[in-house]
Amino acid sequence: MHADGKGRLLLVRHTQSVWNSLDLFTGWVDVDLSEKGKLDAKSVGVKIAGVYNVDIAFTSSLVRAQQTLQLVMDGAGIQGTPVTEDWHLNERFYGNWQGKNKTEMKAKYGDEAIQAVRRGYAQRPPAGESLEDTAERVLPYFAESIAPALAEGKTVLIAAHGNSLRALVKHLEKMSDEAAPGIEIGNGELREYVREADGNYTRGATFHP
């Protein structure tokens, strides 16, 4: 617990995966981090070493987020922290686009059509989830399983994915549906949010690999 008694929420997007390096839509396909991703995750951990005393950690059911979490904690020297893995924090499900090359898909369907889904809020890929769908599973899980620890003044680390974190940041920063798709969180970026006494969250420090 910090001296000010305020909860700290640390959000980190998984570092580069093998499929990120190939520019493929990944979604729920379970792929490992690339070698670069592993090094970057450890680097983020080194940068937060001694800054935070993490009380509890959460991650998705996908190995790239789990590996990121473990390497960040290794780099920071964090040991013995309870970790919960849950599918509610998974990346957006990309349906029929999973495993497809993003550049080739743009060439086939047009950049505008692809971007309407990738950077829209309610638009879905074929047989997949919209960002809105993703938020509808992430936010109730956050409210029930994570927010109470923050209200107690604990420091919580979440390692998840671009879209699951985008949905959460929209909530924390009280952003509109239209603004949410424009939230950019880089691979390996770690953001701090401070829970204030009124239950609102203030953006704090940011760390990069």
Protein backbone atom coordinates (compact mmCIF):
# COMPACT_ATOMS: atom_id res chain seq x y z
CA MET A 1 0.00 0.00 0.00
CA HIS A 2 1.25 3.47 -0.88
CA ALA A 3 1.80 6.06 1.82
CA ASP A 4 -1.20 8.08 0.60
CA GLY A 5 -3.46 5.03 1.02
CA LYS A 6 -4.71 5.27 -2.56
CA GLY A 7 -5.07 2.21 -4.76
CA ARG A 8 -2.80 1.95 -7.78
CA LEU A 9 -3.90 0.21 -10.97
CA LEU A 10 -1.08 -0.77 -13.32
CA LEU A 11 -2.09 -1.76 -16.85
CA VAL A 12 0.43 -3.33 -19.19
CA ARG A 13 -0.25 -4.48 -22.73
CA HIS A 14 1.50 -7.69 -23.67
CA THR A 15 4.74 -7.20 -25.55
CA GLN A 16 5.37 -8.38 -29.11
CA SER A 17 4.06 -11.87 -29.86
CA VAL A 18 5.18 -14.17 -32.65
CA TRP A 19 2.06 -13.24 -34.63
CA ASN A 20 2.52 -9.51 -33.97
CA SER A 21 5.87 -9.81 -35.70
CA LEU A 22 4.11 -11.42 -38.71
CA ASP A 23 1.35 -8.76 -38.77
CA LEU A 24 -1.43 -11.29 -38.24
CA PHE A 25 -4.79 -10.84 -36.54
CA THR A 26 -4.40 -12.88 -33.35
CA GLY A 27 -7.50 -12.52 -31.20
CA TRP A 28 -7.95 -15.65 -29.11
CA VAL A 29 -5.32 -17.74 -30.90
CA ASP A 30 -2.80 -18.68 -28.23
CA VAL A 31 0.68 -17.69 -29.38
CA ASP A 32 3.91 -17.08 -27.48
CA LEU A 33 5.85 -13.88 -27.15
CA SER A 34 8.63 -13.33 -29.67
CA GLU A 35 12.20 -13.09 -28.41
CA LYS A 36 11.91 -9.31 -28.69
CA GLY A 37 8.69 -9.47 -26.71
CA LYS A 38 10.37 -11.39 -23.92
CA LEU A 39 13.23 -8.89 -23.69
CA ASP A 40 10.83 -5.93 -23.74
CA ALA A 41 8.66 -7.37 -20.96
CA LYS A 42 11.70 -7.88 -18.74
CA SER A 43 12.79 -4.31 -19.55
CA VAL A 44 9.47 -2.85 -18.38
CA GLY A 45 9.82 -4.77 -15.15
CA VAL A 46 13.30 -3.39 -14.55
CA LYS A 47 11.95 0.15 -14.99
CA ILE A 48 9.30 -0.28 -12.28
CA ALA A 49 11.59 -2.12 -9.85
CA GLY A 50 11.26 -0.51 -6.43
CA VAL A 51 8.50 1.85 -7.61
CA TYR A 52 5.50 -0.34 -6.79
CA ASN A 53 4.76 -3.03 -4.26
CA VAL A 54 2.24 -5.11 -6.21
CA ASP A 55 -0.33 -6.79 -3.98
CA ILE A 56 -2.27 -8.78 -6.56
CA ALA A 57 -2.08 -9.41 -10.31
CA PHE A 58 -4.53 -10.38 -13.04
CA THR A 59 -4.06 -11.57 -16.60
CA SER A 60 -6.00 -13.20 -19.40
CA SER A 61 -6.23 -16.86 -20.29
CA LEU A 62 -3.82 -16.29 -23.20
CA VAL A 63 -0.17 -17.19 -22.86
CA ARG A 64 1.28 -14.00 -24.38
CA ALA A 65 -0.28 -11.93 -21.59
CA GLN A 66 0.71 -14.49 -18.96
CA GLN A 67 4.32 -14.50 -20.17
CA THR A 68 4.36 -10.70 -20.15
CA LEU A 69 3.10 -10.60 -16.59
CA GLN A 70 5.67 -13.08 -15.35
CA LEU A 71 8.57 -11.37 -17.10
CA VAL A 72 7.52 -7.93 -15.87
CA MET A 73 7.39 -9.25 -12.31
CA ASP A 74 10.72 -11.03 -12.77
CA GLY A 75 12.32 -7.81 -14.01
CA ALA A 76 10.86 -5.85 -11.11
CA GLY A 77 11.88 -8.46 -8.55
CA ILE A 78 8.25 -9.03 -7.53
CA GLN A 79 7.76 -12.41 -5.88
CA GLY A 80 4.91 -14.21 -4.14
CA THR A 81 2.16 -12.02 -5.64
CA PRO A 82 -1.14 -13.88 -6.15
CA VAL A 83 -2.05 -14.10 -9.86
CA THR A 84 -5.53 -14.68 -11.28
CA GLU A 85 -5.95 -15.76 -14.92
CA ASP A 86 -9.37 -15.12 -16.46
CA TRP A 87 -10.78 -15.17 -20.00
CA HIS A 88 -12.79 -11.99 -19.39
CA LEU A 89 -9.51 -10.10 -19.90
CA ASN A 90 -8.80 -11.81 -23.24
CA GLU A 91 -8.16 -9.89 -26.41
CA ARG A 92 -11.10 -9.05 -28.64
CA PHE A 93 -12.24 -12.18 -30.52
CA TYR A 94 -11.49 -11.53 -34.18
CA GLY A 95 -13.59 -14.38 -35.53
CA ASN A 96 -12.91 -15.20 -39.18
CA TRP A 97 -10.06 -12.71 -39.33
CA GLN A 98 -7.90 -14.62 -36.86
CA GLY A 99 -4.69 -15.85 -38.47
CA LYS A 100 -5.10 -13.54 -41.48
CA ASN A 101 -2.41 -11.06 -42.50
CA LYS A 102 -3.55 -7.47 -41.89
CA THR A 103 -1.91 -6.03 -45.01
CA GLU A 104 -3.38 -8.73 -47.24
CA MET A 105 -6.83 -8.16 -45.73
CA LYS A 106 -6.58 -4.44 -46.47
CA ALA A 107 -5.64 -5.22 -50.06
CA LYS A 108 -8.61 -7.58 -50.40
CA TYR A 109 -11.34 -5.57 -48.67
CA GLY A 110 -9.95 -2.03 -48.66
CA ASP A 111 -8.35 -0.09 -45.85
CA GLU A 112 -11.55 1.77 -45.02
CA ALA A 113 -13.53 -1.43 -44.44
CA ILE A 114 -10.82 -2.92 -42.21
CA GLN A 115 -10.35 0.27 -40.22
CA ALA A 116 -14.11 0.61 -39.70
CA VAL A 117 -13.93 -2.61 -37.68
CA ARG A 118 -10.54 -2.13 -36.06
CA ARG A 119 -11.20 1.46 -35.04
CA GLY A 120 -14.96 1.38 -34.63
CA TYR A 121 -16.80 0.74 -31.37
CA ALA A 122 -19.80 -1.38 -32.39
CA GLN A 123 -18.57 -2.85 -35.69
CA ARG A 124 -17.71 -6.56 -35.67
CA PRO A 125 -15.45 -8.65 -37.89
CA PRO A 126 -17.26 -11.70 -39.35
CA ALA A 127 -18.17 -14.04 -36.45
CA GLY A 128 -16.15 -11.90 -34.05
CA GLU A 129 -16.47 -9.29 -31.29
CA SER A 130 -16.75 -5.53 -31.48
CA LEU A 131 -14.92 -3.33 -29.00
CA GLU A 132 -18.31 -2.80 -27.37
CA ASP A 133 -18.72 -6.57 -26.97
CA THR A 134 -15.27 -6.74 -25.40
CA ALA A 135 -16.15 -3.97 -22.94
CA GLU A 136 -19.32 -5.81 -21.94
CA ARG A 137 -17.26 -8.69 -20.54
CA VAL A 138 -14.23 -6.73 -19.28
CA LEU A 139 -16.02 -4.06 -17.25
CA PRO A 140 -18.30 -6.28 -15.11
CA TYR A 141 -15.29 -8.47 -14.31
CA PHE A 142 -13.27 -5.40 -13.34
CA ALA A 143 -16.07 -4.10 -11.11
CA GLU A 144 -16.59 -7.41 -9.35
CA SER A 145 -13.11 -8.92 -9.11
CA ILE A 146 -10.57 -6.08 -9.33
CA ALA A 147 -12.06 -2.77 -8.21
CA PRO A 148 -12.65 -3.87 -4.58
CA ALA A 149 -8.90 -4.37 -4.07
CA LEU A 150 -8.24 -0.88 -5.40
CA ALA A 151 -10.85 0.53 -3.03
CA GLU A 152 -8.85 -1.05 -0.21
CA GLY A 153 -5.76 0.89 -1.30
CA LYS A 154 -3.98 -2.07 -2.90
CA THR A 155 -1.71 -1.97 -5.93
CA VAL A 156 -3.05 -4.15 -8.75
CA LEU A 157 -1.16 -5.16 -11.90
CA ILE A 158 -3.09 -6.27 -14.99
CA ALA A 159 -1.33 -7.71 -18.03
CA ALA A 160 -3.78 -7.97 -20.91
CA HIS A 161 -4.33 -6.93 -24.53
CA GLY A 162 -4.83 -3.89 -26.73
CA ASN A 163 -8.60 -4.08 -26.90
CA SER A 164 -9.39 -5.39 -23.42
CA LEU A 165 -7.24 -2.59 -22.01
CA ARG A 166 -8.78 -0.08 -24.43
CA ALA A 167 -12.20 -0.98 -23.03
CA LEU A 168 -10.95 -0.53 -19.47
CA VAL A 169 -9.20 2.79 -20.17
CA LYS A 170 -12.42 4.10 -21.73
CA HIS A 171 -14.14 3.41 -18.41
CA LEU A 172 -11.36 4.80 -16.22
CA GLU A 173 -11.03 8.03 -18.23
CA LYS A 174 -14.80 8.37 -18.82
CA MET A 175 -14.39 8.55 -22.60
CA SER A 176 -17.16 8.50 -25.18
CA ASP A 177 -17.92 5.52 -27.42
CA GLU A 178 -16.61 7.52 -30.36
CA ALA A 179 -13.29 8.31 -28.66
CA ALA A 180 -12.60 4.82 -27.32
CA PRO A 181 -11.30 3.20 -30.53
CA GLY A 182 -8.65 5.91 -30.78
CA ILE A 183 -7.01 4.93 -27.50
CA GLU A 184 -3.49 3.79 -28.34
CA ILE A 185 -1.59 1.55 -25.93
CA GLY A 186 1.70 0.27 -27.33
CA ASN A 187 3.02 -3.25 -26.85
CA GLY A 188 4.71 -3.27 -23.46
CA GLU A 189 3.35 0.13 -22.42
CA LEU A 190 2.55 0.25 -18.70
CA ARG A 191 0.11 2.86 -17.41
CA GLU A 192 -0.57 3.81 -13.82
CA TYR A 193 -4.02 4.92 -12.62
CA VAL A 194 -4.53 6.25 -9.09
CA ARG A 195 -7.88 5.59 -7.41
CA GLU A 196 -9.05 8.77 -5.72
CA ALA A 197 -11.23 8.96 -2.61
CA ASP A 198 -14.33 9.65 -4.73
CA GLY A 199 -13.83 6.46 -6.73
CA ASN A 200 -12.57 8.21 -9.85
CA TYR A 201 -9.20 7.44 -11.41
CA THR A 202 -6.35 9.82 -12.21
CA ARG A 203 -3.78 8.99 -14.87
CA GLY A 204 -0.31 8.62 -13.39
CA ALA A 205 3.06 7.53 -14.72
CA THR A 206 3.70 5.70 -17.99
CA PHE A 207 6.57 3.30 -18.69
CA HIS A 208 7.78 1.87 -22.00
CA PRO A 209 10.18 -0.98 -22.83
